[in-house]
């Protein structure tokens, strides 16, 4: 039996975080929650999740800076990171890519398409 894949969900808006967490758990993923960039770094180092969903607009360290810092941690450098944002502009996508994000999803999320991306990145 294979190990349950873990996803670190970094999102400061509680309503969206709770909804997405429920959907991810229904898909069989273990979900670790963080509300800030600082918490994201802490959970990443401690839990080493299989994938990170990173809201870009966070209080304190924003999602882009948190992603850059995560990419500096040798043990999780190759962990897939998907940026989450309400903004769909090309410059936001480019910034996320430059910070180290592997993919980009806009809110509200098309969950059917989103789960396909997760399956591809998690194998």
Foldseek 3Di string as FASTA:
>chain_A
DDDAAEEEEEDQDVVVSVVVCVVVVVVRHHYHYHDALVVVLVCCVVPVGQAYEAEQDGPDQGRLNSLLVQCVDVVNVPRAYEYEEQDDDPVVQVSSVVSPHPYYAYPPGPVVVVVVVVVVSND
